[in-house]
Structures are given as structure tokens and as C-alpha cells.
Amino acid sequence: MHMSLVIDRMMRENNSTAIECIVTLIGGAVSLQGSLMHDQETSGVRMMCPVPNAPPSLSQPGAVQMIEHFLHYEAILLISVPRTVTLETPRIHAA
């Protein structure tokens, strides 16, 4: 399945134009965590990721420094979406 179809489905499920997720790139050595969205200008995707250990902005309190990544669909190996799940009964038992 083409990655654009997977992204479309996840956006429909979340009723959103962006998905909070972890993207692993082809080769598996690089993973990005942030907001993923379609990018019409590049016919690919754009991923906005917070800058790790960035100092807080003194001029704009509450502002977050972000890195904007532009990717081709073919560069994406895996999309992982963290979900909160409530179990009705414990399924894992200690030995």
C-alpha cells in the first residue's frame, strides 16, 4: 500500500489534517517524532518536530522551536502512532 493512502486513512480516522506520530525513514537509522501532514507544494509530506533541548524563547513565552522536514512518501519505511488503550481484563499474566 502506498504511504500516502495510509496517511489519508489515519487523517480520516482522527478527523485531522495532521497526525502526531513517529516516522522511521528507509534504512531504519533515522526516526522523527512530531506532526505529519501532506505537503501540496512538494507532492510529499511535511513533518514538524520539536527541537530537542532547545532553550525557551525569552521574547515569545510559550513558543516552541520546531524543525520542518520535507519528505518524499518513498522515504518513509514506517509510521508509528501512539495510542491510549484501556483493557477490560488483564491479558498479560506474570509467570
N, C-alpha and C. Protein backbone atom coordinates (compact mmCIF):
# COMPACT_ATOMS: atom_id res chain seq x y z
N MET A 1 0.84 -1.17 0.00
CA MET A 1 0.00 0.00 0.00
C MET A 1 0.90 1.24 0.00
N HIS A 2 0.54 2.20 -0.81
CA HIS A 2 1.32 3.44 -0.89
C HIS A 2 1.15 4.23 0.40
N MET A 3 2.23 4.81 0.89
CA MET A 3 2.22 5.50 2.18
C MET A 3 1.23 6.67 2.20
N SER A 4 0.99 7.31 1.06
CA SER A 4 0.02 8.42 1.04
C SER A 4 -1.38 7.92 1.39
N LEU A 5 -1.72 6.69 0.98
CA LEU A 5 -3.04 6.12 1.32
C LEU A 5 -3.15 5.83 2.80
N VAL A 6 -2.06 5.35 3.40
CA VAL A 6 -2.04 5.09 4.83
C VAL A 6 -2.22 6.40 5.61
N ILE A 7 -1.51 7.44 5.20
CA ILE A 7 -1.62 8.74 5.86
C ILE A 7 -3.04 9.30 5.71
N ASP A 8 -3.62 9.18 4.52
CA ASP A 8 -5.01 9.63 4.30
C ASP A 8 -5.97 8.93 5.25
N ARG A 9 -5.81 7.60 5.38
CA ARG A 9 -6.70 6.83 6.25
C ARG A 9 -6.57 7.28 7.71
N MET A 10 -5.33 7.47 8.16
CA MET A 10 -5.12 7.90 9.55
C MET A 10 -5.70 9.29 9.79
N MET A 11 -5.60 10.18 8.82
CA MET A 11 -6.16 11.52 8.98
C MET A 11 -7.69 11.46 9.04
N ARG A 12 -8.30 10.59 8.22
CA ARG A 12 -9.76 10.43 8.28
C ARG A 12 -10.17 9.88 9.64
N GLU A 13 -9.44 8.87 10.14
CA GLU A 13 -9.77 8.28 11.44
C GLU A 13 -9.69 9.31 12.56
N ASN A 14 -8.71 10.22 12.48
CA ASN A 14 -8.51 11.23 13.52
C ASN A 14 -9.25 12.52 13.22
N ASN A 15 -9.92 12.57 12.06
CA ASN A 15 -10.63 13.78 11.63
C ASN A 15 -9.72 15.00 11.75
N SER A 16 -8.53 14.89 11.14
CA SER A 16 -7.50 15.91 11.30
C SER A 16 -6.70 16.06 10.00
N THR A 17 -5.99 17.18 9.88
CA THR A 17 -5.11 17.39 8.73
C THR A 17 -3.66 17.05 9.07
N ALA A 18 -3.41 16.66 10.32
CA ALA A 18 -2.05 16.27 10.74
C ALA A 18 -2.16 15.10 11.70
N ILE A 19 -1.10 14.30 11.74
CA ILE A 19 -1.05 13.12 12.61
C ILE A 19 0.15 13.25 13.53
N GLU A 20 -0.08 13.08 14.84
CA GLU A 20 1.03 13.01 15.78
C GLU A 20 1.57 11.59 15.71
N CYS A 21 2.84 11.44 15.29
CA CYS A 21 3.36 10.11 15.08
C CYS A 21 4.89 10.09 15.11
N ILE A 22 5.42 8.88 14.97
CA ILE A 22 6.85 8.66 14.82
C ILE A 22 7.05 8.07 13.43
N VAL A 23 7.91 8.68 12.64
CA VAL A 23 8.20 8.21 11.28
C VAL A 23 9.61 7.65 11.26
N THR A 24 9.75 6.42 10.76
CA THR A 24 11.07 5.82 10.55
C THR A 24 11.36 5.86 9.06
N LEU A 25 12.53 6.39 8.71
CA LEU A 25 12.90 6.52 7.32
C LEU A 25 13.54 5.26 6.79
N ILE A 26 13.53 5.09 5.47
CA ILE A 26 14.14 3.93 4.82
C ILE A 26 15.58 3.81 5.33
N GLY A 27 15.99 2.62 5.64
CA GLY A 27 17.32 2.38 6.22
C GLY A 27 17.22 2.16 7.71
N GLY A 28 16.14 2.70 8.33
CA GLY A 28 15.87 2.46 9.74
C GLY A 28 16.74 3.19 10.74
N ALA A 29 17.72 3.96 10.28
CA ALA A 29 18.64 4.61 11.22
C ALA A 29 18.08 5.93 11.75
N VAL A 30 17.10 6.52 11.07
CA VAL A 30 16.58 7.82 11.47
C VAL A 30 15.08 7.72 11.74
N SER A 31 14.67 8.19 12.93
CA SER A 31 13.25 8.29 13.28
C SER A 31 12.96 9.73 13.68
N LEU A 32 11.80 10.21 13.27
CA LEU A 32 11.37 11.57 13.59
C LEU A 32 10.05 11.50 14.34
N GLN A 33 9.90 12.32 15.37
CA GLN A 33 8.64 12.37 16.11
C GLN A 33 8.08 13.76 16.03
N GLY A 34 6.80 13.86 15.65
CA GLY A 34 6.17 15.16 15.54
C GLY A 34 4.83 15.06 14.83
N SER A 35 4.47 16.13 14.11
CA SER A 35 3.20 16.21 13.38
C SER A 35 3.46 16.02 11.89
N LEU A 36 2.78 15.07 11.30
CA LEU A 36 2.95 14.72 9.89
C LEU A 36 1.74 15.19 9.11
N MET A 37 1.97 15.83 7.96
CA MET A 37 0.86 16.29 7.12
C MET A 37 1.27 16.23 5.65
N HIS A 38 0.28 16.19 4.76
CA HIS A 38 0.56 16.24 3.32
C HIS A 38 1.11 17.62 2.99
N ASP A 39 2.00 17.68 1.99
CA ASP A 39 2.53 18.97 1.52
C ASP A 39 2.26 19.06 0.02
N GLN A 40 1.34 19.94 -0.37
CA GLN A 40 0.94 20.07 -1.77
C GLN A 40 2.07 20.62 -2.64
N GLU A 41 2.91 21.46 -2.08
CA GLU A 41 3.99 22.08 -2.86
C GLU A 41 5.02 21.06 -3.33
N THR A 42 5.33 20.06 -2.50
CA THR A 42 6.36 19.08 -2.85
C THR A 42 5.79 17.74 -3.29
N SER A 43 4.47 17.60 -3.23
CA SER A 43 3.80 16.32 -3.50
C SER A 43 4.36 15.22 -2.59
N GLY A 44 4.68 15.59 -1.39
CA GLY A 44 5.19 14.66 -0.39
C GLY A 44 4.55 14.96 0.95
N VAL A 45 5.33 14.84 2.01
CA VAL A 45 4.83 15.14 3.35
C VAL A 45 5.75 16.13 4.05
N ARG A 46 5.18 16.81 5.03
CA ARG A 46 5.94 17.73 5.87
C ARG A 46 5.80 17.23 7.30
N MET A 47 6.91 17.22 8.01
CA MET A 47 6.91 16.77 9.40
C MET A 47 7.48 17.89 10.26
N MET A 48 6.71 18.34 11.25
CA MET A 48 7.14 19.36 12.19
C MET A 48 7.54 18.67 13.49
N CYS A 49 8.82 18.83 13.87
CA CYS A 49 9.36 18.16 15.05
C CYS A 49 9.95 19.20 16.00
N PRO A 50 9.69 19.07 17.31
CA PRO A 50 10.31 19.99 18.25
C PRO A 50 11.83 19.82 18.27
N VAL A 51 12.54 20.92 18.44
CA VAL A 51 14.00 20.87 18.54
C VAL A 51 14.35 20.32 19.92
N PRO A 52 15.08 19.20 19.97
CA PRO A 52 15.41 18.64 21.28
C PRO A 52 16.31 19.57 22.09
N ASN A 53 16.02 19.70 23.36
CA ASN A 53 16.81 20.51 24.30
C ASN A 53 16.95 21.96 23.88
N ALA A 54 15.96 22.50 23.16
CA ALA A 54 16.02 23.90 22.75
C ALA A 54 15.75 24.79 23.96
N PRO A 55 16.51 25.87 24.11
CA PRO A 55 16.25 26.78 25.23
C PRO A 55 14.92 27.49 25.02
N PRO A 56 14.22 27.81 26.09
CA PRO A 56 12.93 28.52 25.95
C PRO A 56 13.14 29.91 25.36
N SER A 57 12.16 30.33 24.60
CA SER A 57 12.22 31.66 23.98
C SER A 57 11.94 32.72 25.04
N LEU A 58 12.82 33.70 25.14
CA LEU A 58 12.61 34.80 26.08
C LEU A 58 11.69 35.85 25.48
N SER A 59 11.72 36.01 24.15
CA SER A 59 10.91 37.04 23.51
C SER A 59 9.47 36.58 23.27
N GLN A 60 9.25 35.24 23.18
CA GLN A 60 7.91 34.70 22.95
C GLN A 60 7.64 33.57 23.93
N PRO A 61 7.19 33.89 25.15
CA PRO A 61 6.92 32.84 26.14
C PRO A 61 5.90 31.84 25.61
N GLY A 62 6.17 30.57 25.80
CA GLY A 62 5.27 29.51 25.33
C GLY A 62 5.57 29.05 23.91
N ALA A 63 6.42 29.78 23.18
CA ALA A 63 6.78 29.38 21.81
C ALA A 63 7.71 28.18 21.86
N VAL A 64 7.58 27.31 20.87
CA VAL A 64 8.40 26.11 20.77
C VAL A 64 9.19 26.16 19.47
N GLN A 65 10.50 25.91 19.55
CA GLN A 65 11.30 25.84 18.33
C GLN A 65 11.05 24.50 17.65
N MET A 66 10.79 24.56 16.34
CA MET A 66 10.48 23.36 15.57
C MET A 66 11.42 23.24 14.38
N ILE A 67 11.63 22.00 13.94
CA ILE A 67 12.35 21.73 12.71
C ILE A 67 11.31 21.24 11.71
N GLU A 68 11.32 21.82 10.52
CA GLU A 68 10.37 21.44 9.48
C GLU A 68 11.10 20.55 8.46
N HIS A 69 10.64 19.30 8.36
CA HIS A 69 11.24 18.33 7.44
C HIS A 69 10.30 18.14 6.26
N PHE A 70 10.85 18.07 5.05
CA PHE A 70 10.07 17.76 3.86
C PHE A 70 10.54 16.42 3.34
N LEU A 71 9.62 15.47 3.17
CA LEU A 71 9.98 14.10 2.80
C LEU A 71 9.16 13.63 1.60
N HIS A 72 9.75 12.73 0.82
CA HIS A 72 9.02 12.02 -0.21
C HIS A 72 8.35 10.82 0.45
N TYR A 73 7.18 10.44 -0.04
CA TYR A 73 6.50 9.27 0.52
C TYR A 73 7.40 8.04 0.49
N GLU A 74 8.19 7.91 -0.57
CA GLU A 74 9.05 6.73 -0.73
C GLU A 74 10.16 6.66 0.31
N ALA A 75 10.44 7.76 1.00
CA ALA A 75 11.49 7.78 2.03
C ALA A 75 11.01 7.19 3.35
N ILE A 76 9.69 7.00 3.48
CA ILE A 76 9.11 6.55 4.74
C ILE A 76 8.99 5.03 4.75
N LEU A 77 9.60 4.42 5.76
CA LEU A 77 9.53 2.97 5.93
C LEU A 77 8.36 2.61 6.84
N LEU A 78 8.16 3.40 7.91
CA LEU A 78 7.22 3.02 8.96
C LEU A 78 6.62 4.26 9.59
N ILE A 79 5.32 4.20 9.89
CA ILE A 79 4.66 5.25 10.66
C ILE A 79 4.09 4.59 11.91
N SER A 80 4.49 5.10 13.07
CA SER A 80 4.01 4.58 14.35
C SER A 80 3.17 5.65 15.02
N VAL A 81 1.95 5.27 15.43
CA VAL A 81 1.04 6.22 16.07
C VAL A 81 0.79 5.76 17.50
N PRO A 82 1.27 6.53 18.49
CA PRO A 82 0.99 6.16 19.89
C PRO A 82 -0.51 6.26 20.18
N ARG A 83 -1.05 5.29 20.85
CA ARG A 83 -2.48 5.27 21.19
C ARG A 83 -2.64 4.90 22.66
N THR A 84 -3.66 5.43 23.27
CA THR A 84 -4.01 5.05 24.63
C THR A 84 -5.08 3.98 24.55
N VAL A 85 -4.83 2.85 25.19
CA VAL A 85 -5.74 1.71 25.14
C VAL A 85 -6.13 1.33 26.55
N THR A 86 -7.41 1.10 26.78
CA THR A 86 -7.90 0.64 28.07
C THR A 86 -8.32 -0.82 27.92
N LEU A 87 -7.70 -1.70 28.70
CA LEU A 87 -8.04 -3.12 28.65
C LEU A 87 -9.17 -3.42 29.63
N GLU A 88 -10.12 -4.25 29.19
CA GLU A 88 -11.22 -4.63 30.07
C GLU A 88 -10.74 -5.63 31.12
N THR A 89 -9.88 -6.56 30.71
CA THR A 89 -9.31 -7.53 31.64
C THR A 89 -7.83 -7.65 31.34
N PRO A 90 -7.03 -7.93 32.34
CA PRO A 90 -5.59 -8.09 32.09
C PRO A 90 -5.35 -9.25 31.13
N ARG A 91 -4.53 -9.02 30.14
CA ARG A 91 -4.23 -10.05 29.14
C ARG A 91 -2.83 -10.63 29.32
N ILE A 92 -1.98 -9.95 30.09
CA ILE A 92 -0.63 -10.43 30.31
C ILE A 92 -0.53 -10.89 31.76
N HIS A 93 -0.12 -12.13 31.92
CA HIS A 93 -0.02 -12.69 33.26
C HIS A 93 1.44 -12.95 33.60
N ALA A 94 1.81 -12.65 34.83
CA ALA A 94 3.18 -12.92 35.29
C ALA A 94 3.36 -14.43 35.45
N ALA A 95 4.57 -14.89 35.10
CA ALA A 95 4.85 -16.33 35.20
C ALA A 95 5.22 -16.70 36.61
